[in-house]
Amino acid sequence: MFDKNIYIQRRKLLKNYLKTGIILLPGNSNSPMCCQDNCYPFIQDSIFSYFFGINEPNFVGVIDVDNDKDYIFAKDFTLDDIIWMGPQKLFKDLVEEVGVYNFIDIDNLKNFLTNINKKIHYVNPYRDDIKLLLANILNINPFDIAKFSSLELTKSIIKLRSIKSKEEISEIEKAVNITRKMHLEAMTVAKAGMKEYEVTAAVEAICKKYNAYPSFHTICTINGEILHNHSQNNILKNGDLLLLDCGAKSESGYCGDMTSVFPISGTFTKEQTTFYNILINMFETAEKEIKPYITYKEVHLKVSKILLEELKKLNLVKGEINDLIENGIYGLFMPHGLGHMLGLDVHDMENLGEDLVGYDETCQRSNLMGLKSLRLAKKLEPGFVFTIEPGIYFIPELIKKWKSENKFIEYLNYNEIEKLSGKIGMRYEGNYVITENGSKRLGEPMPRTIDEIETLLK
């Protein structure tokens, strides 16, 4: 929780953007795992957290723009709660710590809103329990919740949250450093004969050590060509590369997200060395290019050009590089985008709409392979925090499909490509902030080069 004046200022800016109406910001409730009293770990809604900072379930924030008043609606603790939980700070006192001085029992929320003759702004929720809450208190059909959501509010929140303050960047960097420790732990413990899930157990224990949670489902796999491989039953063998894509969501709610790949034997093979060096060339190209007001789509395409130039040297692709770029040939080898926003969510604000967060009126999403999954394309502004995550993959199913369709046979040497099918799948990811004059990688140094990784593994 930040100083209360930060939350007061955030709510004030939101009021300035909307000018009039009521802003309704529900927090998350607990999510039952198998019954009402046995729940998944509680993760607060990031919008509620951004404007109100309270990490407790079943809270609803209300901002009255016209009267410049903020409210929190919740159900305070009872004696029955205290019997089970011990002494607790009353919510009516807790809300004052975030600069809210109007605390009302949540049972009164529906009547409160019914008696207000103003436009009620809310964002389209991603959870069904919140949809039902809104349907009840606003007398809306649950299936119409999205239709009546406020685009004006959504865009205002994106505008505010996209620019990270120095306090936020400090918290993100803490999460990134925990994430770094998770990766170093994997490099320390992973050995031939282990199961992938054993490495994951060691990695996620680091989260617990720092009172953090995984910021997303850990990807720990020797089949790196499967982009989001959540199966972790393979046995590690010498000769395998292990791809680890994981992150920490710190106690303050901010996220880290990094990816590394390393050889189980401790030494990269000749083939792995070739492609890993290309990968790091791609990463460092992006690192050099990012700066204020360059579009991330432009950086993505420059990185894709490096990939194609290197693949051409290996006789995997042919033709003019500009023609390969124009036809999206790089999408066979890197189907995903170069990176995404990072903050209170690991893909920050994506619940508000990927096209609204990563695009604007100056750039539209492309359907071209290799571009259609680009999450962040617009101009980078000072204060943006995001990931750089190039990858190289030889995906058997995709290669088979393209070859069976004789797709781009004038550009692709399928006989050579098939030799690598299922053998290469790697990416490398770091977290960056745009500064006034350039950019900065967040967190302490991570091993990047082959020499650095092999030295660490030894």
Protein backbone atom coordinates (compact mmCIF):
# COMPACT_ATOMS: atom_id res chain seq x y z
CA MET A 1 0.00 0.00 0.00
CA PHE A 2 1.37 3.40 -0.99
CA ASP A 3 0.92 6.67 0.88
CA LYS A 4 -2.74 7.67 0.83
CA ASN A 5 -2.01 10.83 -1.14
CA ILE A 6 -1.02 8.69 -4.15
CA TYR A 7 -4.46 7.07 -4.20
CA ILE A 8 -6.19 10.41 -3.65
CA GLN A 9 -4.28 11.89 -6.60
CA ARG A 10 -5.08 8.92 -8.85
CA ARG A 11 -8.79 9.25 -8.11
CA LYS A 12 -8.61 13.01 -8.67
CA LEU A 13 -7.05 12.52 -12.11
CA LEU A 14 -9.72 9.98 -13.01
CA LYS A 15 -12.41 12.49 -12.04
CA ASN A 16 -10.76 15.10 -14.23
CA TYR A 17 -10.85 12.74 -17.22
CA LEU A 18 -14.51 11.78 -16.83
CA LYS A 19 -15.89 15.20 -15.78
CA THR A 20 -19.26 13.84 -14.59
CA GLY A 21 -21.08 10.76 -13.33
CA ILE A 22 -20.52 7.92 -10.87
CA ILE A 23 -17.54 5.58 -11.25
CA LEU A 24 -18.14 2.06 -9.96
CA LEU A 25 -15.00 -0.01 -9.26
CA PRO A 26 -15.67 -3.43 -7.69
CA GLY A 27 -12.82 -5.34 -6.08
CA ASN A 28 -12.54 -9.09 -6.35
CA SER A 29 -14.21 -11.60 -4.07
CA ASN A 30 -12.78 -14.91 -2.92
CA SER A 31 -12.92 -17.75 -5.46
CA PRO A 32 -13.99 -21.08 -3.95
CA MET A 33 -11.71 -23.98 -4.81
CA CYS A 34 -14.05 -26.78 -3.74
CA CYS A 35 -16.44 -25.13 -1.27
CA GLN A 36 -17.27 -21.66 0.00
CA ASP A 37 -14.72 -21.77 2.82
CA ASN A 38 -11.85 -23.34 0.87
CA CYS A 39 -10.67 -20.73 -1.59
CA TYR A 40 -7.89 -20.08 -4.05
CA PRO A 41 -5.30 -17.51 -2.93
CA PHE A 42 -6.92 -14.09 -3.06
CA ILE A 43 -5.69 -11.76 -5.81
CA GLN A 44 -7.21 -8.27 -5.78
CA ASP A 45 -8.58 -6.74 -8.98
CA SER A 46 -5.82 -4.52 -10.33
CA ILE A 47 -8.11 -1.56 -11.11
CA PHE A 48 -9.50 -1.51 -7.59
CA SER A 49 -5.97 -1.94 -6.24
CA TYR A 50 -4.68 0.97 -8.35
CA PHE A 51 -7.30 3.45 -7.12
CA PHE A 52 -7.98 2.17 -3.60
CA GLY A 53 -4.97 0.04 -2.59
CA ILE A 54 -6.84 -2.31 -0.24
CA ASN A 55 -6.05 -6.03 -0.54
CA GLU A 56 -9.27 -7.43 0.96
CA PRO A 57 -12.16 -9.28 -0.74
CA ASN A 58 -15.71 -8.02 -1.30
CA PHE A 59 -14.99 -4.28 -1.47
CA VAL A 60 -16.60 -1.89 -3.93
CA GLY A 61 -15.19 1.56 -4.62
CA VAL A 62 -17.49 4.38 -5.74
CA ILE A 63 -16.27 7.76 -7.02
CA ASP A 64 -18.79 10.60 -7.29
CA VAL A 65 -17.20 12.83 -9.92
CA ASP A 66 -19.62 15.76 -9.65
CA ASN A 67 -19.45 16.05 -5.86
CA ASP A 68 -15.77 15.08 -5.54
CA LYS A 69 -16.51 12.31 -3.05
CA ASP A 70 -15.06 8.81 -2.70
CA TYR A 71 -16.82 5.89 -1.04
CA ILE A 72 -16.00 2.33 -0.11
CA PHE A 73 -18.74 -0.21 0.42
CA ALA A 74 -17.93 -3.41 2.33
CA LYS A 75 -19.12 -5.61 5.17
CA ASP A 76 -17.09 -4.96 8.31
CA PHE A 77 -15.88 -7.72 10.61
CA THR A 78 -18.24 -9.18 13.17
CA LEU A 79 -17.46 -10.98 16.42
CA ASP A 80 -17.99 -14.31 14.63
CA ASP A 81 -15.24 -13.34 12.17
CA ILE A 82 -12.89 -12.33 14.97
CA ILE A 83 -13.42 -15.67 16.76
CA TRP A 84 -11.97 -17.44 13.72
CA MET A 85 -9.48 -14.81 12.56
CA GLY A 86 -8.34 -13.05 15.71
CA PRO A 87 -8.43 -9.27 16.27
CA GLN A 88 -8.70 -7.34 13.01
CA LYS A 89 -8.45 -3.70 12.02
CA LEU A 90 -11.96 -2.49 11.25
CA PHE A 91 -12.52 -1.67 7.60
CA LYS A 92 -13.95 1.72 8.45
CA ASP A 93 -10.51 2.57 9.85
CA LEU A 94 -8.61 0.81 7.07
CA VAL A 95 -10.22 2.87 4.30
CA GLU A 96 -8.98 6.09 5.87
CA GLU A 97 -5.43 4.86 5.18
CA VAL A 98 -6.14 5.26 1.46
CA GLY A 99 -7.81 8.65 1.87
CA VAL A 100 -11.44 7.51 1.81
CA TYR A 101 -13.66 8.91 4.57
CA ASN A 102 -17.03 7.52 3.53
CA PHE A 103 -17.42 3.88 4.54
CA ILE A 104 -20.86 2.31 4.04
CA ASP A 105 -22.15 -1.22 4.57
CA ILE A 106 -22.30 -2.98 1.22
CA ASP A 107 -25.92 -3.98 1.84
CA ASN A 108 -26.77 -0.34 1.13
CA LEU A 109 -24.97 -0.14 -2.22
CA LYS A 110 -27.98 -0.90 -4.42
CA ASN A 111 -30.14 1.74 -2.73
CA PHE A 112 -27.29 4.24 -2.89
CA LEU A 113 -26.99 3.81 -6.68
CA THR A 114 -30.74 3.71 -7.25
CA ASN A 115 -31.13 7.14 -5.70
CA ILE A 116 -28.48 8.72 -7.94
CA ASN A 117 -29.70 10.17 -11.21
CA LYS A 118 -26.33 10.19 -12.99
CA LYS A 119 -24.51 8.09 -15.56
CA ILE A 120 -22.82 5.13 -13.87
CA HIS A 121 -19.47 4.20 -15.39
CA TYR A 122 -17.98 0.72 -15.01
CA VAL A 123 -15.57 -1.40 -17.05
CA ASN A 124 -16.54 -4.74 -18.55
CA PRO A 125 -15.66 -7.29 -15.82
CA TYR A 126 -13.68 -10.46 -16.51
CA ARG A 127 -15.23 -12.45 -13.63
CA ASP A 128 -18.74 -13.85 -13.62
CA ASP A 129 -19.31 -13.11 -9.94
CA ILE A 130 -18.65 -9.41 -10.60
CA LYS A 131 -20.98 -9.51 -13.61
CA LEU A 132 -23.72 -10.88 -11.35
CA LEU A 133 -22.98 -8.23 -8.72
CA LEU A 134 -23.31 -5.47 -11.31
CA ALA A 135 -26.44 -7.04 -12.76
CA ASN A 136 -28.04 -7.04 -9.32
CA ILE A 137 -27.13 -3.54 -8.14
CA LEU A 138 -27.75 -1.90 -11.54
CA ASN A 139 -30.82 -3.94 -12.56
CA ILE A 140 -29.17 -5.04 -15.82
CA ASN A 141 -29.47 -8.39 -17.58
CA PRO A 142 -26.14 -10.19 -16.88
CA PHE A 143 -25.75 -10.83 -20.61
CA ASP A 144 -25.92 -7.08 -21.28
CA ILE A 145 -23.17 -6.07 -18.84
CA ALA A 146 -20.59 -5.58 -21.60
CA LYS A 147 -23.00 -3.56 -23.71
CA PHE A 148 -23.47 -0.90 -21.02
CA SER A 149 -19.83 -0.71 -19.90
CA SER A 150 -18.07 2.62 -20.23
CA LEU A 151 -15.50 3.00 -23.01
CA GLU A 152 -14.73 6.47 -21.66
CA LEU A 153 -13.81 5.04 -18.26
CA THR A 154 -11.84 2.19 -19.83
CA LYS A 155 -9.72 4.55 -21.92
CA SER A 156 -9.17 6.88 -18.96
CA ILE A 157 -7.90 4.03 -16.77
CA ILE A 158 -5.55 2.85 -19.53
CA LYS A 159 -4.21 6.37 -19.95
CA LEU A 160 -3.50 6.66 -16.23
CA ARG A 161 -2.07 3.21 -15.65
CA SER A 162 0.14 3.12 -18.74
CA ILE A 163 2.51 5.73 -17.28
CA LYS A 164 4.18 4.23 -14.21
CA SER A 165 5.23 6.52 -11.36
CA LYS A 166 8.64 6.21 -9.69
CA GLU A 167 6.93 4.41 -6.78
CA GLU A 168 5.41 1.87 -9.14
CA ILE A 169 8.68 1.32 -11.02
CA SER A 170 10.39 0.66 -7.69
CA GLU A 171 7.77 -1.97 -6.81
CA ILE A 172 7.95 -3.58 -10.25
CA GLU A 173 11.73 -3.77 -9.89
CA LYS A 174 11.30 -5.63 -6.58
CA ALA A 175 9.07 -8.16 -8.36
CA VAL A 176 11.61 -8.44 -11.19
CA ASN A 177 14.39 -9.19 -8.72
CA ILE A 178 12.32 -11.95 -7.12
CA THR A 179 11.69 -13.25 -10.63
CA ARG A 180 15.44 -13.19 -11.28
CA LYS A 181 16.03 -15.30 -8.16
CA MET A 182 13.45 -17.80 -9.47
CA HIS A 183 15.42 -18.22 -12.70
CA LEU A 184 18.77 -18.52 -10.94
CA GLU A 185 17.29 -21.14 -8.64
CA ALA A 186 16.18 -23.19 -11.66
CA MET A 187 19.69 -23.03 -13.12
CA THR A 188 21.06 -24.19 -9.77
CA VAL A 189 18.75 -27.16 -9.15
CA ALA A 190 17.88 -28.53 -12.62
CA LYS A 191 19.71 -31.80 -13.30
CA ALA A 192 19.29 -34.77 -15.62
CA GLY A 193 16.80 -37.26 -14.21
CA MET A 194 14.54 -34.67 -12.59
CA LYS A 195 10.96 -34.01 -13.69
CA GLU A 196 10.06 -30.56 -14.99
CA TYR A 197 7.60 -30.11 -12.13
CA GLU A 198 10.39 -30.63 -9.60
CA VAL A 199 12.16 -27.59 -11.04
CA THR A 200 8.89 -25.66 -10.91
CA ALA A 201 8.50 -26.58 -7.23
CA ALA A 202 11.92 -25.10 -6.45
CA VAL A 203 11.18 -22.00 -8.54
CA GLU A 204 7.83 -21.27 -6.93
CA ALA A 205 9.27 -21.83 -3.44
CA ILE A 206 11.27 -18.64 -4.07
CA CYS A 207 7.95 -16.79 -4.40
CA LYS A 208 6.86 -18.04 -1.00
CA LYS A 209 10.20 -17.07 0.48
CA TYR A 210 9.49 -13.43 -0.45
CA ASN A 211 5.75 -13.51 0.37
CA ALA A 212 4.93 -13.36 -3.34
CA TYR A 213 2.81 -15.41 -5.74
CA PRO A 214 3.58 -16.59 -9.27
CA SER A 215 2.36 -13.79 -11.54
CA PHE A 216 1.10 -16.44 -13.99
CA HIS A 217 1.19 -20.20 -14.47
CA THR A 218 4.86 -21.18 -14.62
CA ILE A 219 6.07 -22.56 -17.97
CA CYS A 220 8.94 -24.99 -17.37
CA THR A 221 9.54 -27.28 -20.32
CA ILE A 222 12.07 -29.07 -22.51
CA ASN A 223 9.56 -28.65 -25.37
CA GLY A 224 10.09 -24.92 -25.84
CA GLU A 225 8.54 -25.01 -29.31
CA ILE A 226 5.14 -25.30 -27.55
CA LEU A 227 4.70 -21.63 -26.72
CA HIS A 228 2.63 -21.97 -23.52
CA ASN A 229 3.39 -25.54 -22.53
CA HIS A 230 1.79 -26.18 -19.13
CA SER A 231 2.57 -29.91 -19.03
CA GLN A 232 5.50 -30.56 -16.69
CA ASN A 233 5.87 -34.35 -16.65
CA ASN A 234 8.93 -34.76 -18.85
CA ILE A 235 12.19 -36.09 -17.44
CA LEU A 236 15.17 -33.81 -17.99
CA LYS A 237 18.01 -35.32 -20.03
CA ASN A 238 21.48 -34.21 -20.99
CA GLY A 239 21.19 -32.58 -24.39
CA ASP A 240 17.88 -30.90 -23.49
CA LEU A 241 17.34 -27.17 -23.28
CA LEU A 242 15.02 -26.15 -20.45
CA LEU A 243 12.83 -23.12 -21.14
CA LEU A 244 11.61 -21.33 -18.02
CA ASP A 245 9.02 -18.56 -18.38
CA CYS A 246 7.88 -17.38 -14.95
CA GLY A 247 7.38 -14.36 -12.77
CA ALA A 248 6.57 -13.12 -9.29
CA LYS A 249 3.65 -11.00 -8.16
CA SER A 250 5.06 -9.24 -5.12
CA GLU A 251 3.36 -8.40 -1.85
CA SER A 252 2.48 -4.97 -3.26
CA GLY A 253 0.74 -6.60 -6.25
CA TYR A 254 3.24 -5.66 -8.98
CA CYS A 255 4.58 -8.26 -11.40
CA GLY A 256 7.77 -9.49 -12.99
CA ASP A 257 7.98 -11.69 -16.09
CA MET A 258 11.18 -13.19 -17.48
CA THR A 259 12.17 -16.11 -19.69
CA SER A 260 15.47 -17.95 -19.83
CA VAL A 261 16.73 -21.10 -21.54
CA PHE A 262 19.70 -23.19 -20.48
CA PRO A 263 21.22 -26.63 -21.21
CA ILE A 264 20.65 -29.42 -18.69
CA SER A 265 24.14 -30.79 -19.38
CA GLY A 266 25.69 -27.41 -18.56
CA THR A 267 26.92 -26.89 -22.12
CA PHE A 268 25.06 -25.77 -25.25
CA THR A 269 25.37 -28.06 -28.27
CA LYS A 270 26.68 -26.63 -31.54
CA GLU A 271 23.14 -26.42 -32.95
CA GLN A 272 21.74 -24.85 -29.78
CA THR A 273 24.61 -22.36 -29.77
CA THR A 274 23.80 -21.25 -33.32
CA PHE A 275 20.17 -20.44 -32.57
CA TYR A 276 20.73 -19.08 -29.07
CA ASN A 277 23.23 -16.55 -30.43
CA ILE A 278 20.63 -15.48 -33.02
CA LEU A 279 18.09 -15.11 -30.20
CA ILE A 280 20.38 -12.85 -28.17
CA ASN A 281 21.16 -10.82 -31.29
CA MET A 282 17.41 -10.28 -31.68
CA PHE A 283 17.06 -9.32 -28.01
CA GLU A 284 19.94 -6.87 -28.10
CA THR A 285 18.62 -5.33 -31.31
CA ALA A 286 15.35 -4.56 -29.52
CA GLU A 287 17.24 -3.33 -26.47
CA LYS A 288 19.15 -0.81 -28.61
CA GLU A 289 16.08 0.32 -30.53
CA ILE A 290 13.64 1.06 -27.72
CA LYS A 291 13.37 4.75 -26.91
CA PRO A 292 10.66 7.36 -26.37
CA TYR A 293 8.08 7.61 -29.16
CA ILE A 294 9.30 4.80 -31.39
CA THR A 295 6.43 2.40 -32.10
CA TYR A 296 6.88 -1.08 -30.68
CA LYS A 297 5.62 -2.49 -33.97
CA GLU A 298 8.64 -0.90 -35.63
CA VAL A 299 10.95 -2.56 -33.08
CA HIS A 300 9.17 -5.89 -33.58
CA LEU A 301 9.72 -5.71 -37.34
CA LYS A 302 13.41 -4.81 -36.94
CA VAL A 303 13.88 -7.83 -34.68
CA SER A 304 12.01 -10.01 -37.19
CA LYS A 305 14.34 -8.77 -39.92
CA ILE A 306 17.38 -9.88 -37.88
CA LEU A 307 15.78 -13.32 -37.49
CA LEU A 308 15.20 -13.66 -41.24
CA GLU A 309 18.67 -12.47 -42.15
CA GLU A 310 20.22 -15.09 -39.88
CA LEU A 311 17.89 -17.86 -41.12
CA LYS A 312 18.81 -16.96 -44.69
CA LYS A 313 22.51 -17.48 -43.86
CA LEU A 314 21.53 -20.97 -42.67
CA ASN A 315 19.68 -21.71 -45.94
CA LEU A 316 16.34 -22.01 -44.15
CA VAL A 317 14.71 -19.11 -46.01
CA LYS A 318 15.41 -17.52 -49.39
CA GLY A 319 14.48 -14.43 -51.36
CA GLU A 320 14.63 -10.73 -50.66
CA ILE A 321 14.38 -9.90 -46.95
CA ASN A 322 11.86 -7.10 -47.58
CA ASP A 323 9.61 -9.58 -49.42
CA LEU A 324 9.91 -12.01 -46.51
CA ILE A 325 8.94 -9.25 -44.07
CA GLU A 326 6.02 -8.09 -46.21
CA ASN A 327 4.60 -11.63 -46.36
CA GLY A 328 5.07 -12.34 -42.64
CA ILE A 329 7.44 -15.29 -43.19
CA TYR A 330 9.00 -14.63 -39.77
CA GLY A 331 5.67 -15.72 -38.27
CA LEU A 332 6.55 -19.36 -38.95
CA PHE A 333 9.52 -19.03 -36.62
CA MET A 334 8.22 -16.40 -34.14
CA PRO A 335 4.39 -16.46 -34.11
CA HIS A 336 4.10 -14.24 -31.02
CA GLY A 337 4.72 -10.54 -30.52
CA LEU A 338 7.88 -9.00 -29.11
CA GLY A 339 6.40 -8.09 -25.74
CA HIS A 340 3.59 -6.67 -23.62
CA MET A 341 2.90 -4.07 -20.95
CA LEU A 342 3.78 -4.99 -17.36
CA GLY A 343 2.49 -3.69 -14.04
CA LEU A 344 -0.20 -4.78 -11.60
CA ASP A 345 -1.05 -7.48 -14.17
CA VAL A 346 1.57 -9.56 -15.92
CA HIS A 347 -0.06 -8.56 -19.22
CA ASP A 348 -0.93 -5.21 -17.80
CA MET A 349 -4.57 -4.08 -18.21
CA GLU A 350 -5.32 -6.77 -20.80
CA ASN A 351 -8.72 -7.33 -19.16
CA LEU A 352 -9.58 -3.86 -20.52
CA GLY A 353 -8.97 -5.01 -24.09
CA GLU A 354 -5.68 -5.83 -25.75
CA ASP A 355 -6.37 -3.53 -28.71
CA LEU A 356 -7.18 -0.60 -26.39
CA VAL A 357 -4.02 -1.12 -24.32
CA GLY A 358 -1.48 -1.93 -27.02
CA TYR A 359 -2.89 0.00 -29.99
CA ASP A 360 -4.37 3.43 -30.66
CA GLU A 361 -5.76 5.52 -33.51
CA THR A 362 -2.31 5.67 -35.14
CA CYS A 363 -1.86 1.88 -35.47
CA GLN A 364 -4.29 -0.96 -36.07
CA ARG A 365 -3.83 -4.68 -35.49
CA SER A 366 -2.72 -6.72 -38.49
CA ASN A 367 -3.98 -10.20 -39.39
CA LEU A 368 -0.57 -11.09 -40.85
CA MET A 369 1.14 -14.10 -39.28
CA GLY A 370 3.77 -12.79 -36.89
CA LEU A 371 1.91 -9.53 -36.33
CA LYS A 372 -1.56 -10.66 -35.32
CA SER A 373 -0.32 -11.71 -31.86
CA LEU A 374 1.62 -8.50 -31.23
CA ARG A 375 0.15 -7.25 -27.94
CA LEU A 376 1.97 -3.90 -27.87
CA ALA A 377 2.38 -1.92 -31.09
CA LYS A 378 1.87 1.79 -30.31
CA LYS A 379 4.43 4.50 -29.52
CA LEU A 380 6.48 3.93 -26.38
CA GLU A 381 6.20 6.80 -23.91
CA PRO A 382 8.33 7.67 -20.87
CA GLY A 383 6.94 5.65 -17.97
CA PHE A 384 5.86 2.64 -20.07
CA VAL A 385 7.00 -0.65 -18.50
CA PHE A 386 6.98 -3.66 -20.80
CA THR A 387 8.79 -6.84 -21.80
CA ILE A 388 11.21 -7.64 -24.61
CA GLU A 389 10.73 -11.30 -25.52
CA PRO A 390 11.98 -12.53 -28.90
CA GLY A 391 11.76 -16.22 -29.69
CA ILE A 392 12.79 -18.84 -32.26
CA TYR A 393 10.62 -21.93 -32.76
CA PHE A 394 10.35 -24.84 -35.16
CA ILE A 395 6.78 -25.96 -34.46
CA PRO A 396 6.04 -29.34 -36.08
CA GLU A 397 2.30 -28.82 -36.58
CA LEU A 398 2.74 -25.36 -38.10
CA ILE A 399 5.53 -26.49 -40.41
CA LYS A 400 3.43 -29.45 -41.59
CA LYS A 401 0.42 -27.23 -42.23
CA TRP A 402 2.31 -24.64 -44.25
CA LYS A 403 4.13 -27.32 -46.27
CA SER A 404 0.90 -29.24 -47.02
CA GLU A 405 -0.59 -26.02 -48.39
CA ASN A 406 2.56 -25.25 -50.44
CA LYS A 407 2.56 -22.00 -48.54
CA PHE A 408 5.39 -19.60 -49.41
CA ILE A 409 7.40 -22.33 -51.15
CA GLU A 410 9.26 -19.56 -52.98
CA TYR A 411 10.62 -18.34 -49.62
CA LEU A 412 10.94 -21.45 -47.42
CA ASN A 413 13.37 -24.37 -47.73
CA TYR A 414 11.07 -26.93 -46.16
CA ASN A 415 13.56 -29.82 -46.45
CA GLU A 416 16.03 -27.93 -44.25
CA ILE A 417 13.34 -26.57 -41.92
CA GLU A 418 11.93 -30.06 -41.27
CA LYS A 419 15.32 -31.23 -39.98
CA LEU A 420 14.87 -28.83 -37.07
CA SER A 421 11.18 -29.52 -36.46
CA GLY A 422 10.53 -29.99 -32.73
CA LYS A 423 14.23 -29.55 -31.91
CA ILE A 424 14.45 -25.79 -31.40
CA GLY A 425 12.16 -23.73 -29.16
CA MET A 426 13.64 -20.85 -27.19
CA ARG A 427 12.98 -17.30 -26.07
CA TYR A 428 14.68 -14.78 -23.80
CA GLU A 429 12.79 -12.07 -21.90
CA GLY A 430 13.63 -9.00 -19.85
CA ASN A 431 11.62 -6.13 -18.35
CA TYR A 432 12.18 -2.49 -19.35
CA VAL A 433 11.02 1.03 -18.59
CA ILE A 434 11.12 3.91 -21.06
CA THR A 435 12.93 6.91 -19.58
CA GLU A 436 12.94 10.51 -20.78
CA ASN A 437 16.05 9.90 -22.87
CA GLY A 438 16.09 6.17 -23.55
CA SER A 439 15.33 3.01 -21.60
CA LYS A 440 16.47 0.95 -18.65
CA ARG A 441 16.35 -2.76 -17.95
CA LEU A 442 14.75 -3.37 -14.56
CA GLY A 443 16.32 -5.58 -11.93
CA GLU A 444 19.79 -6.84 -11.18
CA PRO A 445 21.84 -8.31 -14.06
CA MET A 446 20.72 -11.63 -15.51
CA PRO A 447 23.01 -14.10 -17.28
CA ARG A 448 22.46 -13.60 -21.01
CA THR A 449 25.34 -14.87 -23.12
CA ILE A 450 26.33 -18.50 -23.56
CA ASP A 451 29.55 -17.92 -21.57
CA GLU A 452 27.63 -16.32 -18.69
CA ILE A 453 25.09 -19.15 -18.55
CA GLU A 454 27.61 -21.98 -18.86
CA THR A 455 29.81 -20.37 -16.19
CA LEU A 456 26.85 -20.14 -13.83
CA LEU A 457 25.83 -23.74 -14.52
CA LYS A 458 29.33 -24.95 -13.68
